């Protein structure tokens, strides 16, 4: 029982940790260019078995898709703030 309780405690501790972002230092304050640890994992899984050229292309496409989605989300939030004033 102690082993299970310590596992649950450790698991909840690790869920609370913020993910590290490599691009925070060079990104704008909105953070639309951030690349998180989870993005790295999914990009790696998406490029398994691909040639080096294909890997670079897939990673760039996925990164730009995330940037576009973040920009659209920010624009939508700004639009909502303007409407609700």
PDB file of N, CA and C in Angstrom:
ATOM      1  N   UNK A   1       0.813  -1.189   0.000  1.00  0.00           N
ATOM      2  CA  UNK A   1       0.000   0.000   0.000  1.00  0.00           C
ATOM      3  C   UNK A   1       0.859   1.257   0.000  1.00  0.00           C
ATOM      4  N   UNK A   2       1.981   1.226   0.729  1.00  0.00           N
ATOM      5  CA  UNK A   2       2.870   2.380   0.762  1.00  0.00           C
ATOM      6  C   UNK A   2       3.472   2.642  -0.615  1.00  0.00           C
ATOM      7  N   UNK A   3       3.770   1.586  -1.330  1.00  0.00           N
ATOM      8  CA  UNK A   3       4.356   1.725  -2.659  1.00  0.00           C
ATOM      9  C   UNK A   3       3.355   2.413  -3.603  1.00  0.00           C
ATOM     10  N   UNK A   4       2.100   2.007  -3.541  1.00  0.00           N
ATOM     11  CA  UNK A   4       1.061   2.607  -4.377  1.00  0.00           C
ATOM     12  C   UNK A   4       0.851   4.075  -4.010  1.00  0.00           C
ATOM     13  N   UNK A   5       0.828   4.386  -2.741  1.00  0.00           N
ATOM     14  CA  UNK A   5       0.638   5.767  -2.297  1.00  0.00           C
ATOM     15  C   UNK A   5       1.805   6.646  -2.741  1.00  0.00           C
ATOM     16  N   UNK A   6       3.022   6.123  -2.648  1.00  0.00           N
ATOM     17  CA  UNK A   6       4.178   6.914  -3.073  1.00  0.00           C
ATOM     18  C   UNK A   6       4.166   7.107  -4.590  1.00  0.00           C
ATOM     19  N   UNK A   7       3.687   6.122  -5.329  1.00  0.00           N
ATOM     20  CA  UNK A   7       3.565   6.254  -6.778  1.00  0.00           C
ATOM     21  C   UNK A   7       2.573   7.355  -7.133  1.00  0.00           C
ATOM     22  N   UNK A   8       1.423   7.358  -6.481  1.00  0.00           N
ATOM     23  CA  UNK A   8       0.409   8.389  -6.732  1.00  0.00           C
ATOM     24  C   UNK A   8       0.955   9.771  -6.382  1.00  0.00           C
ATOM     25  N   UNK A   9       1.651   9.883  -5.272  1.00  0.00           N
ATOM     26  CA  UNK A   9       2.244  11.151  -4.862  1.00  0.00           C
ATOM     27  C   UNK A   9       3.263  11.643  -5.888  1.00  0.00           C
ATOM     28  N   UNK A  10       4.141  10.762  -6.336  1.00  0.00           N
ATOM     29  CA  UNK A  10       5.149  11.136  -7.337  1.00  0.00           C
ATOM     30  C   UNK A  10       4.480  11.512  -8.662  1.00  0.00           C
ATOM     31  N   UNK A  11       3.468  10.772  -9.043  1.00  0.00           N
ATOM     32  CA  UNK A  11       2.763  11.042 -10.296  1.00  0.00           C
ATOM     33  C   UNK A  11       2.114  12.426 -10.266  1.00  0.00           C
ATOM     34  N   UNK A  12       1.439  12.757  -9.181  1.00  0.00           N
ATOM     35  CA  UNK A  12       0.800  14.069  -9.087  1.00  0.00           C
ATOM     36  C   UNK A  12       1.837  15.194  -9.020  1.00  0.00           C
ATOM     37  N   UNK A  13       2.981  14.915  -8.435  1.00  0.00           N
ATOM     38  CA  UNK A  13       4.057  15.909  -8.394  1.00  0.00           C
ATOM     39  C   UNK A  13       4.556  16.211  -9.800  1.00  0.00           C
ATOM     40  N   UNK A  14       4.778  15.176 -10.599  1.00  0.00           N
ATOM     41  CA  UNK A  14       5.284  15.382 -11.947  1.00  0.00           C
ATOM     42  C   UNK A  14       4.244  16.014 -12.870  1.00  0.00           C
ATOM     43  N   UNK A  15       2.983  15.808 -12.603  1.00  0.00           N
ATOM     44  CA  UNK A  15       1.951  16.469 -13.400  1.00  0.00           C
ATOM     45  C   UNK A  15       1.940  17.967 -13.151  1.00  0.00           C
ATOM     46  N   UNK A  16       2.332  18.378 -11.979  1.00  0.00           N
ATOM     47  CA  UNK A  16       2.318  19.791 -11.628  1.00  0.00           C
ATOM     48  C   UNK A  16       3.513  20.562 -12.143  1.00  0.00           C
ATOM     49  N   UNK A  17       4.545  19.883 -12.605  1.00  0.00           N
ATOM     50  CA  UNK A  17       5.728  20.574 -13.096  1.00  0.00           C
ATOM     51  C   UNK A  17       5.455  21.216 -14.450  1.00  0.00           C
ATOM     52  N   UNK A  18       5.895  22.445 -14.654  1.00  0.00           N
ATOM     53  CA  UNK A  18       5.700  23.067 -15.970  1.00  0.00           C
ATOM     54  C   UNK A  18       6.638  22.435 -16.998  1.00  0.00           C
ATOM     55  N   UNK A  19       6.190  22.402 -18.239  1.00  0.00           N
ATOM     56  CA  UNK A  19       7.041  21.845 -19.290  1.00  0.00           C
ATOM     57  C   UNK A  19       8.056  22.889 -19.711  1.00  0.00           C
ATOM     58  N   UNK A  20       9.231  22.448 -20.039  1.00  0.00           N
ATOM     59  CA  UNK A  20      10.287  23.352 -20.464  1.00  0.00           C
ATOM     60  C   UNK A  20      10.085  23.726 -21.922  1.00  0.00           C
ATOM     61  N   UNK A  21      10.330  24.959 -22.227  1.00  0.00           N
ATOM     62  CA  UNK A  21      10.189  25.433 -23.599  1.00  0.00           C
ATOM     63  C   UNK A  21      11.528  25.973 -24.062  1.00  0.00           C
ATOM     64  N   UNK A  22      12.063  25.379 -25.114  1.00  0.00           N
ATOM     65  CA  UNK A  22      13.355  25.805 -25.621  1.00  0.00           C
ATOM     66  C   UNK A  22      13.272  27.155 -26.300  1.00  0.00           C
ATOM     67  N   UNK A  23      12.160  27.491 -26.884  1.00  0.00           N
ATOM     68  CA  UNK A  23      12.042  28.699 -27.681  1.00  0.00           C
ATOM     69  C   UNK A  23      11.624  29.917 -26.867  1.00  0.00           C
ATOM     70  N   UNK A  24      11.454  29.790 -25.571  1.00  0.00           N
ATOM     71  CA  UNK A  24      10.996  30.920 -24.764  1.00  0.00           C
ATOM     72  C   UNK A  24      11.960  32.097 -24.828  1.00  0.00           C
ATOM     73  N   UNK A  25      13.239  31.811 -24.912  1.00  0.00           N
ATOM     74  CA  UNK A  25      14.230  32.869 -24.870  1.00  0.00           C
ATOM     75  C   UNK A  25      14.244  33.703 -26.140  1.00  0.00           C
ATOM     76  N   UNK A  26      13.871  33.111 -27.253  1.00  0.00           N
ATOM     77  CA  UNK A  26      13.917  33.844 -28.507  1.00  0.00           C
ATOM     78  C   UNK A  26      12.534  34.156 -29.063  1.00  0.00           C
ATOM     79  N   UNK A  27      11.486  33.792 -28.356  1.00  0.00           N
ATOM     80  CA  UNK A  27      10.141  34.033 -28.863  1.00  0.00           C
ATOM     81  C   UNK A  27       9.607  35.370 -28.376  1.00  0.00           C
ATOM     82  N   UNK A  28       8.523  35.782 -28.997  1.00  0.00           N
ATOM     83  CA  UNK A  28       7.860  37.004 -28.569  1.00  0.00           C
ATOM     84  C   UNK A  28       7.121  36.730 -27.275  1.00  0.00           C
ATOM     85  N   UNK A  29       6.619  37.774 -26.646  1.00  0.00           N
ATOM     86  CA  UNK A  29       5.996  37.620 -25.336  1.00  0.00           C
ATOM     87  C   UNK A  29       4.750  36.737 -25.378  1.00  0.00           C
ATOM     88  N   UNK A  30       4.111  36.626 -26.540  1.00  0.00           N
ATOM     89  CA  UNK A  30       2.918  35.784 -26.622  1.00  0.00           C
ATOM     90  C   UNK A  30       3.264  34.303 -26.591  1.00  0.00           C
ATOM     91  N   UNK A  31       4.486  33.946 -26.930  1.00  0.00           N
ATOM     92  CA  UNK A  31       4.910  32.558 -26.870  1.00  0.00           C
ATOM     93  C   UNK A  31       4.366  31.696 -27.990  1.00  0.00           C
ATOM     94  N   UNK A  32       4.036  32.294 -29.126  1.00  0.00           N
ATOM     95  CA  UNK A  32       3.452  31.492 -30.201  1.00  0.00           C
ATOM     96  C   UNK A  32       4.477  30.589 -30.864  1.00  0.00           C
ATOM     97  N   UNK A  33       5.758  30.874 -30.693  1.00  0.00           N
ATOM     98  CA  UNK A  33       6.802  30.058 -31.318  1.00  0.00           C
ATOM     99  C   UNK A  33       7.390  29.014 -30.375  1.00  0.00           C
ATOM    100  N   UNK A  34       6.762  28.828 -29.228  1.00  0.00           N
ATOM    101  CA  UNK A  34       7.321  27.900 -28.241  1.00  0.00           C
ATOM    102  C   UNK A  34       7.274  26.457 -28.762  1.00  0.00           C
ATOM    103  N   UNK A  35       8.224  25.678 -28.308  1.00  0.00           N
ATOM    104  CA  UNK A  35       8.314  24.263 -28.658  1.00  0.00           C
ATOM    105  C   UNK A  35       8.462  23.502 -27.348  1.00  0.00           C
ATOM    106  N   UNK A  36       7.430  22.807 -26.944  1.00  0.00           N
ATOM    107  CA  UNK A  36       7.437  22.127 -25.658  1.00  0.00           C
ATOM    108  C   UNK A  36       7.992  20.722 -25.773  1.00  0.00           C
ATOM    109  N   UNK A  37       8.221  20.129 -24.649  1.00  0.00           N
ATOM    110  CA  UNK A  37       8.707  18.757 -24.574  1.00  0.00           C
ATOM    111  C   UNK A  37       7.732  17.797 -25.251  1.00  0.00           C
ATOM    112  N   UNK A  38       6.441  18.021 -25.051  1.00  0.00           N
ATOM    113  CA  UNK A  38       5.430  17.146 -25.650  1.00  0.00           C
ATOM    114  C   UNK A  38       5.386  17.315 -27.162  1.00  0.00           C
ATOM    115  N   UNK A  39       5.657  18.529 -27.662  1.00  0.00           N
ATOM    116  CA  UNK A  39       5.748  18.732 -29.105  1.00  0.00           C
ATOM    117  C   UNK A  39       6.929  17.954 -29.672  1.00  0.00           C
ATOM    118  N   UNK A  40       8.039  17.947 -28.954  1.00  0.00           N
ATOM    119  CA  UNK A  40       9.210  17.180 -29.393  1.00  0.00           C
ATOM    120  C   UNK A  40       8.897  15.691 -29.487  1.00  0.00           C
ATOM    121  N   UNK A  41       8.187  15.178 -28.490  1.00  0.00           N
ATOM    122  CA  UNK A  41       7.850  13.752 -28.482  1.00  0.00           C
ATOM    123  C   UNK A  41       6.950  13.400 -29.660  1.00  0.00           C
ATOM    124  N   UNK A  42       5.899  14.186 -29.885  1.00  0.00           N
ATOM    125  CA  UNK A  42       4.984  13.873 -30.987  1.00  0.00           C
ATOM    126  C   UNK A  42       5.655  14.055 -32.342  1.00  0.00           C
ATOM    127  N   UNK A  43       6.542  15.046 -32.453  1.00  0.00           N
ATOM    128  CA  UNK A  43       7.283  15.215 -33.705  1.00  0.00           C
ATOM    129  C   UNK A  43       8.195  14.019 -33.962  1.00  0.00           C
ATOM    130  N   UNK A  44       8.832  13.527 -32.922  1.00  0.00           N
ATOM    131  CA  UNK A  44       9.703  12.365 -33.063  1.00  0.00           C
ATOM    132  C   UNK A  44       8.909  11.138 -33.491  1.00  0.00           C
ATOM    133  N   UNK A  45       7.766  10.934 -32.877  1.00  0.00           N
ATOM    134  CA  UNK A  45       6.924   9.798 -33.247  1.00  0.00           C
ATOM    135  C   UNK A  45       6.421   9.916 -34.685  1.00  0.00           C
ATOM    136  N   UNK A  46       6.172  11.138 -35.145  1.00  0.00           N
ATOM    137  CA  UNK A  46       5.674  11.341 -36.505  1.00  0.00           C
ATOM    138  C   UNK A  46       6.759  11.130 -37.553  1.00  0.00           C
ATOM    139  N   UNK A  47       8.024  11.214 -37.145  1.00  0.00           N
ATOM    140  CA  UNK A  47       9.106  11.117 -38.124  1.00  0.00           C
ATOM    141  C   UNK A  47       9.905   9.825 -38.033  1.00  0.00           C
ATOM    142  N   UNK A  48       9.435   8.877 -37.268  1.00  0.00           N
ATOM    143  CA  UNK A  48      10.155   7.607 -37.157  1.00  0.00           C
ATOM    144  C   UNK A  48      10.155   6.906 -38.517  1.00  0.00           C
ATOM    145  N   UNK A  49      11.325   6.495 -38.943  1.00  0.00           N
ATOM    146  CA  UNK A  49      11.463   5.763 -40.199  1.00  0.00           C
ATOM    147  C   UNK A  49      11.521   6.629 -41.441  1.00  0.00           C
ATOM    148  N   UNK A  50      11.583   7.923 -41.286  1.00  0.00           N
ATOM    149  CA  UNK A  50      11.629   8.837 -42.431  1.00  0.00           C
ATOM    150  C   UNK A  50      13.071   9.224 -42.717  1.00  0.00           C
ATOM    151  N   UNK A  51      13.314   9.672 -43.949  1.00  0.00           N
ATOM    152  CA  UNK A  51      14.649  10.160 -44.291  1.00  0.00           C
ATOM    153  C   UNK A  51      14.877  11.500 -43.608  1.00  0.00           C
ATOM    154  N   UNK A  52      16.103  11.951 -43.587  1.00  0.00           N
ATOM    155  CA  UNK A  52      16.442  13.203 -42.903  1.00  0.00           C
ATOM    156  C   UNK A  52      15.708  14.388 -43.526  1.00  0.00           C
ATOM    157  N   UNK A  53      15.610  14.391 -44.833  1.00  0.00           N
ATOM    158  CA  UNK A  53      14.914  15.482 -45.520  1.00  0.00           C
ATOM    159  C   UNK A  53      13.421  15.488 -45.169  1.00  0.00           C
ATOM    160  N   UNK A  54      12.812  14.319 -45.140  1.00  0.00           N
ATOM    161  CA  UNK A  54      11.401  14.218 -44.778  1.00  0.00           C
ATOM    162  C   UNK A  54      11.172  14.634 -43.325  1.00  0.00           C
ATOM    163  N   UNK A  55      12.102  14.265 -42.440  1.00  0.00           N
ATOM    164  CA  UNK A  55      11.976  14.645 -41.033  1.00  0.00           C
ATOM    165  C   UNK A  55      11.939  16.156 -40.870  1.00  0.00           C
ATOM    166  N   UNK A  56      12.865  16.834 -41.545  1.00  0.00           N
ATOM    167  CA  UNK A  56      12.932  18.289 -41.451  1.00  0.00           C
ATOM    168  C   UNK A  56      11.650  18.910 -41.985  1.00  0.00           C
ATOM    169  N   UNK A  57      11.168  18.407 -43.117  1.00  0.00           N
ATOM    170  CA  UNK A  57       9.943  18.938 -43.712  1.00  0.00           C
ATOM    171  C   UNK A  57       8.736  18.736 -42.801  1.00  0.00           C
ATOM    172  N   UNK A  58       8.594  17.540 -42.241  1.00  0.00           N
ATOM    173  CA  UNK A  58       7.463  17.242 -41.356  1.00  0.00           C
ATOM    174  C   UNK A  58       7.517  18.095 -40.093  1.00  0.00           C
ATOM    175  N   UNK A  59       8.703  18.216 -39.496  1.00  0.00           N
ATOM    176  CA  UNK A  59       8.839  19.012 -38.277  1.00  0.00           C
ATOM    177  C   UNK A  59       8.506  20.483 -38.528  1.00  0.00           C
ATOM    178  N   UNK A  60       8.954  21.016 -39.660  1.00  0.00           N
ATOM    179  CA  UNK A  60       8.643  22.414 -39.982  1.00  0.00           C
ATOM    180  C   UNK A  60       7.148  22.604 -40.215  1.00  0.00           C
ATOM    181  N   UNK A  61       6.531  21.673 -40.924  1.00  0.00           N
ATOM    182  CA  UNK A  61       5.094  21.775 -41.176  1.00  0.00           C
ATOM    183  C   UNK A  61       4.297  21.726 -39.882  1.00  0.00           C
ATOM    184  N   UNK A  62       4.662  20.805 -38.997  1.00  0.00           N
ATOM    185  CA  UNK A  62       3.952  20.674 -37.731  1.00  0.00           C
ATOM    186  C   UNK A  62       4.160  21.919 -36.868  1.00  0.00           C
ATOM    187  N   UNK A  63       5.383  22.445 -36.859  1.00  0.00           N
ATOM    188  CA  UNK A  63       5.674  23.641 -36.064  1.00  0.00           C
ATOM    189  C   UNK A  63       4.870  24.830 -36.577  1.00  0.00           C
ATOM    190  N   UNK A  64       4.850  25.027 -37.887  1.00  0.00           N
ATOM    191  CA  UNK A  64       4.112  26.151 -38.450  1.00  0.00           C
ATOM    192  C   UNK A  64       2.606  25.992 -38.247  1.00  0.00           C
ATOM    193  N   UNK A  65       2.110  24.760 -38.246  1.00  0.00           N
ATOM    194  CA  UNK A  65       0.687  24.533 -37.975  1.00  0.00           C
ATOM    195  C   UNK A  65       0.351  24.925 -36.533  1.00  0.00           C
ATOM    196  N   UNK A  66       1.252  24.603 -35.597  1.00  0.00           N
ATOM    197  CA  UNK A  66       1.027  24.995 -34.200  1.00  0.00           C
ATOM    198  C   UNK A  66       1.066  26.513 -34.049  1.00  0.00           C
ATOM    199  N   UNK A  67       2.016  27.159 -34.734  1.00  0.00           N
ATOM    200  CA  UNK A  67       2.114  28.622 -34.677  1.00  0.00           C
ATOM    201  C   UNK A  67       0.839  29.252 -35.225  1.00  0.00           C
ATOM    202  N   UNK A  68       0.358  28.751 -36.346  1.00  0.00           N
ATOM    203  CA  UNK A  68      -0.862  29.290 -36.952  1.00  0.00           C
ATOM    204  C   UNK A  68      -2.061  29.112 -36.017  1.00  0.00           C
ATOM    205  N   UNK A  69      -2.167  27.944 -35.390  1.00  0.00           N
ATOM    206  CA  UNK A  69      -3.277  27.696 -34.465  1.00  0.00           C
ATOM    207  C   UNK A  69      -3.200  28.634 -33.265  1.00  0.00           C
ATOM    208  N   UNK A  70      -1.998  28.878 -32.752  1.00  0.00           N
ATOM    209  CA  UNK A  70      -1.852  29.797 -31.615  1.00  0.00           C
ATOM    210  C   UNK A  70      -2.200  31.224 -32.009  1.00  0.00           C
ATOM    211  N   UNK A  71      -1.784  31.635 -33.219  1.00  0.00           N
ATOM    212  CA  UNK A  71      -2.116  32.980 -33.687  1.00  0.00           C
ATOM    213  C   UNK A  71      -3.621  33.147 -33.830  1.00  0.00           C
ATOM    214  N   UNK A  72      -4.286  32.147 -34.396  1.00  0.00           N
ATOM    215  CA  UNK A  72      -5.735  32.213 -34.560  1.00  0.00           C
ATOM    216  C   UNK A  72      -6.436  32.271 -33.209  1.00  0.00           C
ATOM    217  N   UNK A  73      -5.930  31.526 -32.239  1.00  0.00           N
ATOM    218  CA  UNK A  73      -6.523  31.542 -30.902  1.00  0.00           C
ATOM    219  C   UNK A  73      -6.387  32.921 -30.263  1.00  0.00           C
ATOM    220  N   UNK A  74      -5.217  33.525 -30.406  1.00  0.00           N
ATOM    221  CA  UNK A  74      -4.985  34.855 -29.846  1.00  0.00           C
ATOM    222  C   UNK A  74      -5.874  35.885 -30.534  1.00  0.00           C
ATOM    223  N   UNK A  75      -5.977  35.803 -31.852  1.00  0.00           N
ATOM    224  CA  UNK A  75      -6.831  36.738 -32.577  1.00  0.00           C
ATOM    225  C   UNK A  75      -8.291  36.582 -32.172  1.00  0.00           C
ATOM    226  N   UNK A  76      -8.725  35.358 -31.963  1.00  0.00           N
ATOM    227  CA  UNK A  76     -10.098  35.107 -31.540  1.00  0.00           C
ATOM    228  C   UNK A  76     -10.346  35.702 -30.154  1.00  0.00           C
ATOM    229  N   UNK A  77      -9.385  35.539 -29.238  1.00  0.00           N
ATOM    230  CA  UNK A  77      -9.523  36.104 -27.899  1.00  0.00           C
ATOM    231  C   UNK A  77      -9.577  37.631 -27.947  1.00  0.00           C
ATOM    232  N   UNK A  78      -8.740  38.225 -28.774  1.00  0.00           N
ATOM    233  CA  UNK A  78      -8.743  39.685 -28.908  1.00  0.00           C
ATOM    234  C   UNK A  78     -10.079  40.152 -29.476  1.00  0.00           C
ATOM    235  N   UNK A  79     -10.559  39.443 -30.477  1.00  0.00           N
ATOM    236  CA  UNK A  79     -11.837  39.784 -31.087  1.00  0.00           C
ATOM    237  C   UNK A  79     -12.973  39.698 -30.044  1.00  0.00           C
ATOM    238  N   UNK A  80     -12.948  38.668 -29.212  1.00  0.00           N
ATOM    239  CA  UNK A  80     -13.964  38.518 -28.178  1.00  0.00           C
ATOM    240  C   UNK A  80     -13.890  39.646 -27.160  1.00  0.00           C
ATOM    241  N   UNK A  81     -12.693  40.082 -26.807  1.00  0.00           N
ATOM    242  CA  UNK A  81     -12.540  41.189 -25.855  1.00  0.00           C
ATOM    243  C   UNK A  81     -13.096  42.480 -26.427  1.00  0.00           C
ATOM    244  N   UNK A  82     -12.860  42.708 -27.715  1.00  0.00           N
ATOM    245  CA  UNK A  82     -13.354  43.934 -28.357  1.00  0.00           C
ATOM    246  C   UNK A  82     -14.868  43.923 -28.415  1.00  0.00           C
ATOM    247  N   UNK A  83     -15.458  42.794 -28.745  1.00  0.00           N
ATOM    248  CA  UNK A  83     -16.915  42.694 -28.862  1.00  0.00           C
ATOM    249  C   UNK A  83     -17.588  42.887 -27.507  1.00  0.00           C
ATOM    250  N   UNK A  84     -17.012  42.342 -26.452  1.00  0.00           N
ATOM    251  CA  UNK A  84     -17.649  42.371 -25.137  1.00  0.00           C
ATOM    252  C   UNK A  84     -17.408  43.661 -24.366  1.00  0.00           C
ATOM    253  N   UNK A  85     -16.775  44.627 -24.951  1.00  0.00           N
ATOM    254  CA  UNK A  85     -16.541  45.896 -24.246  1.00  0.00           C
ATOM    255  C   UNK A  85     -17.738  46.716 -24.182  1.00  0.00           C
TER     256      UNK A  85
END
